[in-house]
């Protein structure tokens, strides 16, 4: 690796600095609060997971789903015909507190990966105030082409890293979160879950490189469970997914660095959620290339020029 290529890599400090610089504090809640984010997406007609219920002490909800305001109401709801579902914190990232539930047997819940959890353990995250409550959603299924490759109907979503410039959104980086085995989530966590990550060509949707863990020796070419070839796989409905992200990004002008998770499903691409404060060092490990390439420098320069023009226009009115 040449010194010039090495200089393109950024660490967590530069990643955090980019997020702080590009995303307005007052706009973060529009992405980080899943109820607000899904209200905006659904009101604009974008495909998003169907909400089944919400748990907040204030009775918040997205649409007409059941609003649960106490844990007693949650327990009563769990004893109904509500399965399967995913439950996730309203404000959290990195897969924290997310579970896929297949059914209830006595005082235990059967999860989508075949394991079980007791009700007291299931309800623990409901008391964690920073989560702001919990959201129950109907599960999505992976596109048949992805199911054939991974051997699972669990969603393997794509992370789109999009920069919003004065001239419109620009997709800079994309990577694929690949589920392995009976995992009900596609989270990677540096390889701790056994899932894989694939670098995706933003133009074509072709998988260019795959890792099963961080660091040297982590690169693979075939799916660990099915043995199918991952490198060279063309993700289905790619151009539709890109157009969807571009259209949805316009709803959040205060967020100029947007991280979209998109599920590729039989019915087409579905917007799972919008994230800020992502760890931008991760896609570098997947691709083997630094994020701060000439293309990104050009994008950031365009954003900076737009900011200067905006400030000049405001100053000129006084």
C-alpha atoms as a PDB file:
ATOM      1  CA  UNK A   1       0.000   0.000   0.000  1.00  0.00           C
ATOM      2  CA  UNK A   2       1.352   3.377  -0.969  1.00  0.00           C
ATOM      3  CA  UNK A   3       1.539   6.273   1.528  1.00  0.00           C
ATOM      4  CA  UNK A   4      -1.080   8.127  -0.527  1.00  0.00           C
ATOM      5  CA  UNK A   5      -3.543   5.227  -0.265  1.00  0.00           C
ATOM      6  CA  UNK A   6      -2.798   4.780   3.421  1.00  0.00           C
ATOM      7  CA  UNK A   7      -3.606   8.456   4.010  1.00  0.00           C
ATOM      8  CA  UNK A   8      -7.135   7.880   2.697  1.00  0.00           C
ATOM      9  CA  UNK A   9      -8.029   5.717   5.706  1.00  0.00           C
ATOM     10  CA  UNK A  10      -9.815   7.383   8.630  1.00  0.00           C
ATOM     11  CA  UNK A  11     -10.271   6.286  12.240  1.00  0.00           C
ATOM     12  CA  UNK A  12     -13.070   6.700  14.748  1.00  0.00           C
ATOM     13  CA  UNK A  13     -12.048  10.283  15.584  1.00  0.00           C
ATOM     14  CA  UNK A  14     -12.320  11.431  11.968  1.00  0.00           C
ATOM     15  CA  UNK A  15     -15.530   9.432  11.595  1.00  0.00           C
ATOM     16  CA  UNK A  16     -17.060  11.225  14.587  1.00  0.00           C
ATOM     17  CA  UNK A  17     -15.809  14.605  13.342  1.00  0.00           C
ATOM     18  CA  UNK A  18     -17.473  14.083   9.960  1.00  0.00           C
ATOM     19  CA  UNK A  19     -20.752  13.212  11.624  1.00  0.00           C
ATOM     20  CA  UNK A  20     -20.614  16.266  13.900  1.00  0.00           C
ATOM     21  CA  UNK A  21     -19.747  18.575  11.024  1.00  0.00           C
ATOM     22  CA  UNK A  22     -22.334  17.322   8.543  1.00  0.00           C
ATOM     23  CA  UNK A  23     -25.357  16.517  10.708  1.00  0.00           C
ATOM     24  CA  UNK A  24     -27.221  19.289  12.507  1.00  0.00           C
ATOM     25  CA  UNK A  25     -27.943  18.495  16.184  1.00  0.00           C
ATOM     26  CA  UNK A  26     -31.603  19.487  15.861  1.00  0.00           C
ATOM     27  CA  UNK A  27     -32.083  17.069  12.942  1.00  0.00           C
ATOM     28  CA  UNK A  28     -30.640  13.947  14.587  1.00  0.00           C
ATOM     29  CA  UNK A  29     -33.878  13.028  16.322  1.00  0.00           C
ATOM     30  CA  UNK A  30     -35.499  12.632  12.889  1.00  0.00           C
ATOM     31  CA  UNK A  31     -33.239   9.629  12.295  1.00  0.00           C
ATOM     32  CA  UNK A  32     -32.383   8.342  15.755  1.00  0.00           C
ATOM     33  CA  UNK A  33     -35.969   8.203  17.024  1.00  0.00           C
ATOM     34  CA  UNK A  34     -37.471   5.309  15.043  1.00  0.00           C
ATOM     35  CA  UNK A  35     -41.054   6.429  15.638  1.00  0.00           C
ATOM     36  CA  UNK A  36     -40.438   9.888  14.221  1.00  0.00           C
ATOM     37  CA  UNK A  37     -38.392   8.455  11.363  1.00  0.00           C
ATOM     38  CA  UNK A  38     -41.111   5.986  10.380  1.00  0.00           C
ATOM     39  CA  UNK A  39     -43.891   8.568  10.701  1.00  0.00           C
ATOM     40  CA  UNK A  40     -42.021  10.677   8.127  1.00  0.00           C
ATOM     41  CA  UNK A  41     -41.292   7.745   5.815  1.00  0.00           C
ATOM     42  CA  UNK A  42     -44.807   6.312   5.911  1.00  0.00           C
ATOM     43  CA  UNK A  43     -46.488   9.715   5.491  1.00  0.00           C
ATOM     44  CA  UNK A  44     -44.371  10.256   2.364  1.00  0.00           C
ATOM     45  CA  UNK A  45     -45.371   6.868   0.994  1.00  0.00           C
ATOM     46  CA  UNK A  46     -42.009   5.104   1.330  1.00  0.00           C
ATOM     47  CA  UNK A  47     -41.916   1.343   2.020  1.00  0.00           C
ATOM     48  CA  UNK A  48     -41.061   0.612   5.660  1.00  0.00           C
ATOM     49  CA  UNK A  49     -41.700  -2.305   8.044  1.00  0.00           C
ATOM     50  CA  UNK A  50     -45.268  -2.575   9.315  1.00  0.00           C
ATOM     51  CA  UNK A  51     -45.588  -1.467  12.961  1.00  0.00           C
ATOM     52  CA  UNK A  52     -47.563  -3.885  15.158  1.00  0.00           C
ATOM     53  CA  UNK A  53     -47.318  -2.079  18.504  1.00  0.00           C
ATOM     54  CA  UNK A  54     -45.319   0.528  20.399  1.00  0.00           C
ATOM     55  CA  UNK A  55     -44.430   0.658  24.068  1.00  0.00           C
ATOM     56  CA  UNK A  56     -44.018   4.137  25.586  1.00  0.00           C
ATOM     57  CA  UNK A  57     -45.403   5.550  28.809  1.00  0.00           C
ATOM     58  CA  UNK A  58     -46.705   8.504  26.763  1.00  0.00           C
ATOM     59  CA  UNK A  59     -48.653   6.312  24.346  1.00  0.00           C
ATOM     60  CA  UNK A  60     -46.654   7.327  21.261  1.00  0.00           C
ATOM     61  CA  UNK A  61     -47.191   5.468  18.015  1.00  0.00           C
ATOM     62  CA  UNK A  62     -46.475   5.640  14.291  1.00  0.00           C
ATOM     63  CA  UNK A  63     -49.873   4.968  12.794  1.00  0.00           C
ATOM     64  CA  UNK A  64     -52.817   2.852  13.919  1.00  0.00           C
ATOM     65  CA  UNK A  65     -50.787   0.128  15.634  1.00  0.00           C
ATOM     66  CA  UNK A  66     -51.476  -0.818  19.263  1.00  0.00           C
ATOM     67  CA  UNK A  67     -50.096   1.714  21.759  1.00  0.00           C
ATOM     68  CA  UNK A  68     -48.922   0.014  24.956  1.00  0.00           C
ATOM     69  CA  UNK A  69     -48.227   2.227  27.978  1.00  0.00           C
ATOM     70  CA  UNK A  70     -47.374  -0.305  30.707  1.00  0.00           C
ATOM     71  CA  UNK A  71     -45.591  -3.626  30.995  1.00  0.00           C
ATOM     72  CA  UNK A  72     -48.867  -5.234  32.062  1.00  0.00           C
ATOM     73  CA  UNK A  73     -50.314  -4.161  28.714  1.00  0.00           C
ATOM     74  CA  UNK A  74     -47.234  -5.585  26.979  1.00  0.00           C
ATOM     75  CA  UNK A  75     -47.752  -8.940  28.724  1.00  0.00           C
ATOM     76  CA  UNK A  76     -51.415  -8.986  27.721  1.00  0.00           C
ATOM     77  CA  UNK A  77     -50.476  -8.153  24.130  1.00  0.00           C
ATOM     78  CA  UNK A  78     -47.887 -10.949  24.059  1.00  0.00           C
ATOM     79  CA  UNK A  79     -50.628 -13.460  24.903  1.00  0.00           C
ATOM     80  CA  UNK A  80     -52.531 -12.543  21.756  1.00  0.00           C
ATOM     81  CA  UNK A  81     -52.217 -13.519  18.110  1.00  0.00           C
ATOM     82  CA  UNK A  82     -49.244 -11.233  17.403  1.00  0.00           C
ATOM     83  CA  UNK A  83     -46.467 -13.559  16.252  1.00  0.00           C
ATOM     84  CA  UNK A  84     -43.971 -13.455  14.687  1.00  0.00           C
ATOM     85  CA  UNK A  85     -42.503 -10.021  15.354  1.00  0.00           C
ATOM     86  CA  UNK A  86     -39.290  -8.087  15.809  1.00  0.00           C
ATOM     87  CA  UNK A  87     -38.910  -5.777  18.796  1.00  0.00           C
ATOM     88  CA  UNK A  88     -36.307  -3.025  18.964  1.00  0.00           C
ATOM     89  CA  UNK A  89     -35.559   0.065  21.061  1.00  0.00           C
ATOM     90  CA  UNK A  90     -37.001   3.305  19.724  1.00  0.00           C
ATOM     91  CA  UNK A  91     -33.624   5.033  20.143  1.00  0.00           C
ATOM     92  CA  UNK A  92     -30.602   2.757  19.792  1.00  0.00           C
ATOM     93  CA  UNK A  93     -28.152   1.490  17.226  1.00  0.00           C
ATOM     94  CA  UNK A  94     -25.823  -1.418  16.429  1.00  0.00           C
ATOM     95  CA  UNK A  95     -28.606  -3.968  16.997  1.00  0.00           C
ATOM     96  CA  UNK A  96     -28.804  -3.306  20.726  1.00  0.00           C
ATOM     97  CA  UNK A  97     -31.930  -4.752  22.328  1.00  0.00           C
ATOM     98  CA  UNK A  98     -33.291  -6.211  19.070  1.00  0.00           C
ATOM     99  CA  UNK A  99     -35.010  -9.606  19.159  1.00  0.00           C
ATOM    100  CA  UNK A 100     -37.024 -11.649  16.697  1.00  0.00           C
ATOM    101  CA  UNK A 101     -39.812 -13.571  18.428  1.00  0.00           C
ATOM    102  CA  UNK A 102     -41.588 -16.558  16.897  1.00  0.00           C
ATOM    103  CA  UNK A 103     -44.080 -17.420  19.630  1.00  0.00           C
ATOM    104  CA  UNK A 104     -44.892 -17.803  23.321  1.00  0.00           C
ATOM    105  CA  UNK A 105     -44.946 -21.016  25.331  1.00  0.00           C
ATOM    106  CA  UNK A 106     -46.033 -20.610  28.936  1.00  0.00           C
ATOM    107  CA  UNK A 107     -43.867 -17.907  30.479  1.00  0.00           C
ATOM    108  CA  UNK A 108     -41.133 -18.128  27.859  1.00  0.00           C
ATOM    109  CA  UNK A 109     -40.740 -16.669  24.382  1.00  0.00           C
ATOM    110  CA  UNK A 110     -39.365 -18.704  21.484  1.00  0.00           C
ATOM    111  CA  UNK A 111     -37.027 -16.626  19.337  1.00  0.00           C
ATOM    112  CA  UNK A 112     -36.629 -16.827  15.580  1.00  0.00           C
ATOM    113  CA  UNK A 113     -33.195 -18.463  15.927  1.00  0.00           C
ATOM    114  CA  UNK A 114     -34.700 -21.354  17.902  1.00  0.00           C
ATOM    115  CA  UNK A 115     -33.530 -20.220  21.347  1.00  0.00           C
ATOM    116  CA  UNK A 116     -35.808 -19.210  24.233  1.00  0.00           C
ATOM    117  CA  UNK A 117     -35.960 -16.309  26.663  1.00  0.00           C
ATOM    118  CA  UNK A 118     -37.925 -15.806  29.866  1.00  0.00           C
ATOM    119  CA  UNK A 119     -40.384 -12.945  30.175  1.00  0.00           C
ATOM    120  CA  UNK A 120     -38.409 -11.099  32.916  1.00  0.00           C
ATOM    121  CA  UNK A 121     -35.301 -11.075  30.716  1.00  0.00           C
ATOM    122  CA  UNK A 122     -37.339 -10.063  27.673  1.00  0.00           C
ATOM    123  CA  UNK A 123     -38.819  -7.100  29.539  1.00  0.00           C
ATOM    124  CA  UNK A 124     -35.514  -5.779  30.954  1.00  0.00           C
ATOM    125  CA  UNK A 125     -34.821  -3.396  28.023  1.00  0.00           C
ATOM    126  CA  UNK A 126     -38.282  -1.875  28.496  1.00  0.00           C
ATOM    127  CA  UNK A 127     -37.012  -0.241  31.719  1.00  0.00           C
ATOM    128  CA  UNK A 128     -33.918   1.323  30.112  1.00  0.00           C
ATOM    129  CA  UNK A 129     -34.899   4.988  29.881  1.00  0.00           C
ATOM    130  CA  UNK A 130     -32.434   6.004  27.104  1.00  0.00           C
ATOM    131  CA  UNK A 131     -34.170   3.566  24.732  1.00  0.00           C
ATOM    132  CA  UNK A 132     -37.296   5.732  24.908  1.00  0.00           C
ATOM    133  CA  UNK A 133     -39.578   2.703  24.649  1.00  0.00           C
ATOM    134  CA  UNK A 134     -39.842  -0.232  22.255  1.00  0.00           C
ATOM    135  CA  UNK A 135     -41.177  -0.783  18.751  1.00  0.00           C
ATOM    136  CA  UNK A 136     -42.766  -4.052  17.573  1.00  0.00           C
ATOM    137  CA  UNK A 137     -42.656  -4.702  13.805  1.00  0.00           C
ATOM    138  CA  UNK A 138     -43.802  -7.415  11.452  1.00  0.00           C
ATOM    139  CA  UNK A 139     -40.768  -9.348  10.141  1.00  0.00           C
ATOM    140  CA  UNK A 140     -39.612  -8.966   6.575  1.00  0.00           C
ATOM    141  CA  UNK A 141     -38.295 -11.789   4.409  1.00  0.00           C
ATOM    142  CA  UNK A 142     -35.206 -11.744   2.247  1.00  0.00           C
ATOM    143  CA  UNK A 143     -35.445 -11.720  -1.539  1.00  0.00           C
ATOM    144  CA  UNK A 144     -35.510 -15.307  -2.912  1.00  0.00           C
ATOM    145  CA  UNK A 145     -32.122 -14.818  -4.603  1.00  0.00           C
ATOM    146  CA  UNK A 146     -30.600 -13.878  -1.239  1.00  0.00           C
ATOM    147  CA  UNK A 147     -32.362 -16.734   0.565  1.00  0.00           C
ATOM    148  CA  UNK A 148     -30.917 -19.190  -1.954  1.00  0.00           C
ATOM    149  CA  UNK A 149     -27.448 -17.784  -1.336  1.00  0.00           C
ATOM    150  CA  UNK A 150     -27.550 -17.587   2.480  1.00  0.00           C
ATOM    151  CA  UNK A 151     -29.914 -20.488   3.209  1.00  0.00           C
ATOM    152  CA  UNK A 152     -32.066 -18.224   5.383  1.00  0.00           C
ATOM    153  CA  UNK A 153     -35.142 -16.030   4.994  1.00  0.00           C
ATOM    154  CA  UNK A 154     -33.673 -13.602   7.543  1.00  0.00           C
ATOM    155  CA  UNK A 155     -33.069 -10.174   6.074  1.00  0.00           C
ATOM    156  CA  UNK A 156     -29.512  -9.347   5.018  1.00  0.00           C
ATOM    157  CA  UNK A 157     -29.769  -5.598   4.622  1.00  0.00           C
ATOM    158  CA  UNK A 158     -27.552  -3.196   2.712  1.00  0.00           C
ATOM    159  CA  UNK A 159     -26.009  -0.142   4.350  1.00  0.00           C
ATOM    160  CA  UNK A 160     -26.006   2.858   2.001  1.00  0.00           C
ATOM    161  CA  UNK A 161     -23.679   5.715   3.016  1.00  0.00           C
ATOM    162  CA  UNK A 162     -25.051   8.797   1.331  1.00  0.00           C
ATOM    163  CA  UNK A 163     -23.798  12.399   1.354  1.00  0.00           C
ATOM    164  CA  UNK A 164     -26.328  15.156   0.673  1.00  0.00           C
ATOM    165  CA  UNK A 165     -24.715  17.947  -1.330  1.00  0.00           C
ATOM    166  CA  UNK A 166     -26.208  21.209  -2.670  1.00  0.00           C
ATOM    167  CA  UNK A 167     -26.619  19.416  -5.987  1.00  0.00           C
ATOM    168  CA  UNK A 168     -28.419  16.443  -4.434  1.00  0.00           C
ATOM    169  CA  UNK A 169     -27.573  13.161  -2.708  1.00  0.00           C
ATOM    170  CA  UNK A 170     -24.500  11.141  -3.667  1.00  0.00           C
ATOM    171  CA  UNK A 171     -24.096   7.465  -2.823  1.00  0.00           C
ATOM    172  CA  UNK A 172     -20.443   7.047  -1.846  1.00  0.00           C
ATOM    173  CA  UNK A 173     -20.246   3.606  -0.210  1.00  0.00           C
ATOM    174  CA  UNK A 174     -22.425   0.523   0.146  1.00  0.00           C
ATOM    175  CA  UNK A 175     -21.904  -2.707   2.019  1.00  0.00           C
ATOM    176  CA  UNK A 176     -23.977  -5.830   2.581  1.00  0.00           C
ATOM    177  CA  UNK A 177     -24.662  -7.375   6.006  1.00  0.00           C
ATOM    178  CA  UNK A 178     -24.798 -11.126   5.297  1.00  0.00           C
ATOM    179  CA  UNK A 179     -26.595 -13.434   7.732  1.00  0.00           C
ATOM    180  CA  UNK A 180     -25.119 -16.832   8.505  1.00  0.00           C
ATOM    181  CA  UNK A 181     -26.749 -19.932  10.020  1.00  0.00           C
ATOM    182  CA  UNK A 182     -29.809 -19.369  12.205  1.00  0.00           C
ATOM    183  CA  UNK A 183     -28.932 -15.791  13.121  1.00  0.00           C
ATOM    184  CA  UNK A 184     -32.074 -13.662  13.249  1.00  0.00           C
ATOM    185  CA  UNK A 185     -30.092 -10.418  12.919  1.00  0.00           C
ATOM    186  CA  UNK A 186     -27.535  -9.381  10.328  1.00  0.00           C
ATOM    187  CA  UNK A 187     -25.330  -7.483  12.799  1.00  0.00           C
ATOM    188  CA  UNK A 188     -21.602  -8.050  12.461  1.00  0.00           C
ATOM    189  CA  UNK A 189     -19.965  -6.649  15.642  1.00  0.00           C
ATOM    190  CA  UNK A 190     -16.434  -7.342  14.381  1.00  0.00           C
ATOM    191  CA  UNK A 191     -17.369 -10.932  13.554  1.00  0.00           C
ATOM    192  CA  UNK A 192     -18.729 -11.878  16.988  1.00  0.00           C
ATOM    193  CA  UNK A 193     -22.120 -12.986  15.586  1.00  0.00           C
ATOM    194  CA  UNK A 194     -20.669 -15.171  12.836  1.00  0.00           C
ATOM    195  CA  UNK A 195     -22.171 -13.005  10.088  1.00  0.00           C
ATOM    196  CA  UNK A 196     -20.206 -11.557   7.170  1.00  0.00           C
ATOM    197  CA  UNK A 197     -19.876  -8.194   5.448  1.00  0.00           C
ATOM    198  CA  UNK A 198     -19.584  -7.588   1.728  1.00  0.00           C
ATOM    199  CA  UNK A 199     -18.243  -4.542  -0.108  1.00  0.00           C
ATOM    200  CA  UNK A 200     -20.696  -3.569  -2.857  1.00  0.00           C
ATOM    201  CA  UNK A 201     -20.035  -1.577  -6.016  1.00  0.00           C
ATOM    202  CA  UNK A 202     -22.417   1.409  -5.726  1.00  0.00           C
ATOM    203  CA  UNK A 203     -22.889   1.564  -9.480  1.00  0.00           C
ATOM    204  CA  UNK A 204     -23.736  -2.064 -10.261  1.00  0.00           C
ATOM    205  CA  UNK A 205     -24.680  -3.701  -6.951  1.00  0.00           C
ATOM    206  CA  UNK A 206     -22.037  -6.403  -7.451  1.00  0.00           C
ATOM    207  CA  UNK A 207     -20.308  -7.808  -4.354  1.00  0.00           C
ATOM    208  CA  UNK A 208     -16.589  -7.111  -4.718  1.00  0.00           C
ATOM    209  CA  UNK A 209     -15.028  -8.365  -1.460  1.00  0.00           C
ATOM    210  CA  UNK A 210     -16.264 -10.178   1.674  1.00  0.00           C
ATOM    211  CA  UNK A 211     -14.912 -10.523   5.207  1.00  0.00           C
ATOM    212  CA  UNK A 212     -15.960 -12.842   8.031  1.00  0.00           C
ATOM    213  CA  UNK A 213     -13.912 -10.998  10.676  1.00  0.00           C
ATOM    214  CA  UNK A 214     -11.861  -7.850  11.065  1.00  0.00           C
ATOM    215  CA  UNK A 215      -8.130  -7.826  10.458  1.00  0.00           C
ATOM    216  CA  UNK A 216      -5.706  -9.938   8.428  1.00  0.00           C
ATOM    217  CA  UNK A 217      -7.008 -13.298   7.271  1.00  0.00           C
ATOM    218  CA  UNK A 218     -10.642 -12.281   7.468  1.00  0.00           C
ATOM    219  CA  UNK A 219     -11.294 -12.195   3.726  1.00  0.00           C
ATOM    220  CA  UNK A 220     -13.483 -14.985   2.285  1.00  0.00           C
ATOM    221  CA  UNK A 221     -15.187 -15.625  -1.048  1.00  0.00           C
ATOM    222  CA  UNK A 222     -17.928 -18.151  -0.178  1.00  0.00           C
ATOM    223  CA  UNK A 223     -20.801 -18.165   2.297  1.00  0.00           C
ATOM    224  CA  UNK A 224     -19.708 -20.032   5.456  1.00  0.00           C
ATOM    225  CA  UNK A 225     -23.032 -21.866   5.733  1.00  0.00           C
ATOM    226  CA  UNK A 226     -24.050 -22.707   2.181  1.00  0.00           C
ATOM    227  CA  UNK A 227     -20.705 -22.633   0.388  1.00  0.00           C
ATOM    228  CA  UNK A 228     -22.221 -20.421  -2.322  1.00  0.00           C
ATOM    229  CA  UNK A 229     -20.005 -17.873  -4.057  1.00  0.00           C
ATOM    230  CA  UNK A 230     -20.464 -14.412  -2.554  1.00  0.00           C
ATOM    231  CA  UNK A 231     -17.949 -12.408  -4.572  1.00  0.00           C
ATOM    232  CA  UNK A 232     -19.535 -11.425  -7.877  1.00  0.00           C
ATOM    233  CA  UNK A 233     -23.110 -11.862  -6.603  1.00  0.00           C
ATOM    234  CA  UNK A 234     -25.467  -9.223  -8.007  1.00  0.00           C
ATOM    235  CA  UNK A 235     -27.800  -7.884  -5.342  1.00  0.00           C
ATOM    236  CA  UNK A 236     -31.406  -7.912  -6.609  1.00  0.00           C
ATOM    237  CA  UNK A 237     -33.363  -4.723  -7.357  1.00  0.00           C
ATOM    238  CA  UNK A 238     -30.194  -2.681  -6.947  1.00  0.00           C
ATOM    239  CA  UNK A 239     -31.161   0.351  -9.013  1.00  0.00           C
ATOM    240  CA  UNK A 240     -34.590   0.481  -7.335  1.00  0.00           C
ATOM    241  CA  UNK A 241     -32.869   0.485  -3.939  1.00  0.00           C
ATOM    242  CA  UNK A 242     -30.509   3.291  -4.959  1.00  0.00           C
ATOM    243  CA  UNK A 243     -33.391   5.406  -6.277  1.00  0.00           C
ATOM    244  CA  UNK A 244     -35.305   4.767  -3.056  1.00  0.00           C
ATOM    245  CA  UNK A 245     -32.424   5.982  -0.901  1.00  0.00           C
ATOM    246  CA  UNK A 246     -31.919   9.061  -3.060  1.00  0.00           C
ATOM    247  CA  UNK A 247     -35.610   9.959  -2.835  1.00  0.00           C
ATOM    248  CA  UNK A 248     -35.861   9.365   0.922  1.00  0.00           C
ATOM    249  CA  UNK A 249     -32.681  11.325   1.688  1.00  0.00           C
ATOM    250  CA  UNK A 250     -34.374  14.508   0.477  1.00  0.00           C
ATOM    251  CA  UNK A 251     -36.743  14.321   3.472  1.00  0.00           C
ATOM    252  CA  UNK A 252     -33.863  15.072   5.873  1.00  0.00           C
ATOM    253  CA  UNK A 253     -31.966  18.172   4.648  1.00  0.00           C
ATOM    254  CA  UNK A 254     -30.346  18.750   8.054  1.00  0.00           C
ATOM    255  CA  UNK A 255     -28.564  15.385   7.788  1.00  0.00           C
ATOM    256  CA  UNK A 256     -25.863  15.592   5.137  1.00  0.00           C
ATOM    257  CA  UNK A 257     -24.266  12.257   6.092  1.00  0.00           C
ATOM    258  CA  UNK A 258     -26.980   9.606   6.013  1.00  0.00           C
ATOM    259  CA  UNK A 259     -26.612   5.880   6.694  1.00  0.00           C
ATOM    260  CA  UNK A 260     -29.594   3.934   5.366  1.00  0.00           C
ATOM    261  CA  UNK A 261     -30.308   0.275   6.095  1.00  0.00           C
ATOM    262  CA  UNK A 262     -32.344  -1.201   3.249  1.00  0.00           C
ATOM    263  CA  UNK A 263     -33.873  -4.696   3.159  1.00  0.00           C
ATOM    264  CA  UNK A 264     -34.034  -6.382  -0.245  1.00  0.00           C
ATOM    265  CA  UNK A 265     -37.335  -8.271  -0.108  1.00  0.00           C
ATOM    266  CA  UNK A 266     -39.605 -10.191  -2.531  1.00  0.00           C
ATOM    267  CA  UNK A 267     -41.846  -7.118  -2.797  1.00  0.00           C
ATOM    268  CA  UNK A 268     -38.865  -4.833  -3.462  1.00  0.00           C
ATOM    269  CA  UNK A 269     -36.496  -2.691  -1.363  1.00  0.00           C
ATOM    270  CA  UNK A 270     -37.769  -1.613   2.077  1.00  0.00           C
ATOM    271  CA  UNK A 271     -36.293   1.178   4.214  1.00  0.00           C
ATOM    272  CA  UNK A 272     -35.483  -0.314   7.625  1.00  0.00           C
ATOM    273  CA  UNK A 273     -34.075   2.804   9.263  1.00  0.00           C
ATOM    274  CA  UNK A 274     -31.871   5.857   8.939  1.00  0.00           C
ATOM    275  CA  UNK A 275     -28.793   6.138  11.158  1.00  0.00           C
ATOM    276  CA  UNK A 276     -26.367   8.841  12.185  1.00  0.00           C
ATOM    277  CA  UNK A 277     -23.129   8.430  14.160  1.00  0.00           C
ATOM    278  CA  UNK A 278     -22.110   5.282  12.309  1.00  0.00           C
ATOM    279  CA  UNK A 279     -18.591   3.867  12.542  1.00  0.00           C
ATOM    280  CA  UNK A 280     -17.169   4.772   9.132  1.00  0.00           C
ATOM    281  CA  UNK A 281     -14.004   2.755   9.774  1.00  0.00           C
ATOM    282  CA  UNK A 282     -16.005  -0.449   9.194  1.00  0.00           C
ATOM    283  CA  UNK A 283     -16.581  -0.107   5.429  1.00  0.00           C
ATOM    284  CA  UNK A 284     -12.844   0.468   5.027  1.00  0.00           C
ATOM    285  CA  UNK A 285     -12.137  -2.927   6.590  1.00  0.00           C
ATOM    286  CA  UNK A 286     -14.618  -4.542   4.212  1.00  0.00           C
ATOM    287  CA  UNK A 287     -13.331  -2.953   1.011  1.00  0.00           C
ATOM    288  CA  UNK A 288      -9.651  -2.629   1.884  1.00  0.00           C
ATOM    289  CA  UNK A 289      -9.799   0.979   0.672  1.00  0.00           C
ATOM    290  CA  UNK A 290      -9.779   4.245   2.585  1.00  0.00           C
ATOM    291  CA  UNK A 291     -12.998   6.237   2.749  1.00  0.00           C
ATOM    292  CA  UNK A 292     -11.359   9.632   2.313  1.00  0.00           C
ATOM    293  CA  UNK A 293     -10.630   9.203  -1.387  1.00  0.00           C
ATOM    294  CA  UNK A 294     -10.614  11.950  -3.991  1.00  0.00           C
ATOM    295  CA  UNK A 295     -14.305  11.410  -4.665  1.00  0.00           C
ATOM    296  CA  UNK A 296     -15.217  12.057  -1.028  1.00  0.00           C
ATOM    297  CA  UNK A 297     -12.906  15.066  -0.866  1.00  0.00           C
ATOM    298  CA  UNK A 298     -14.761  16.506  -3.853  1.00  0.00           C
ATOM    299  CA  UNK A 299     -18.122  15.802  -2.187  1.00  0.00           C
ATOM    300  CA  UNK A 300     -17.037  17.472   1.057  1.00  0.00           C
ATOM    301  CA  UNK A 301     -15.687  20.470  -0.844  1.00  0.00           C
ATOM    302  CA  UNK A 302     -19.055  20.881  -2.571  1.00  0.00           C
ATOM    303  CA  UNK A 303     -20.858  20.689   0.773  1.00  0.00           C
ATOM    304  CA  UNK A 304     -18.418  23.239   2.245  1.00  0.00           C
ATOM    305  CA  UNK A 305     -18.957  25.658  -0.630  1.00  0.00           C
ATOM    306  CA  UNK A 306     -22.699  25.341  -0.185  1.00  0.00           C
ATOM    307  CA  UNK A 307     -22.362  26.127   3.518  1.00  0.00           C
ATOM    308  CA  UNK A 308     -20.263  29.218   2.787  1.00  0.00           C
ATOM    309  CA  UNK A 309     -22.822  30.413   0.239  1.00  0.00           C
ATOM    310  CA  UNK A 310     -25.610  29.892   2.758  1.00  0.00           C
ATOM    311  CA  UNK A 311     -23.817  31.894   5.451  1.00  0.00           C
ATOM    312  CA  UNK A 312     -23.044  34.680   2.985  1.00  0.00           C
ATOM    313  CA  UNK A 313     -26.692  34.868   1.966  1.00  0.00           C
ATOM    314  CA  UNK A 314     -27.804  35.084   5.618  1.00  0.00           C
ATOM    315  CA  UNK A 315     -25.189  37.747   6.392  1.00  0.00           C
ATOM    316  CA  UNK A 316     -26.241  39.743   3.327  1.00  0.00           C
ATOM    317  CA  UNK A 317     -29.766  40.220   4.673  1.00  0.00           C
ATOM    318  CA  UNK A 318     -28.586  42.258   7.670  1.00  0.00           C
END
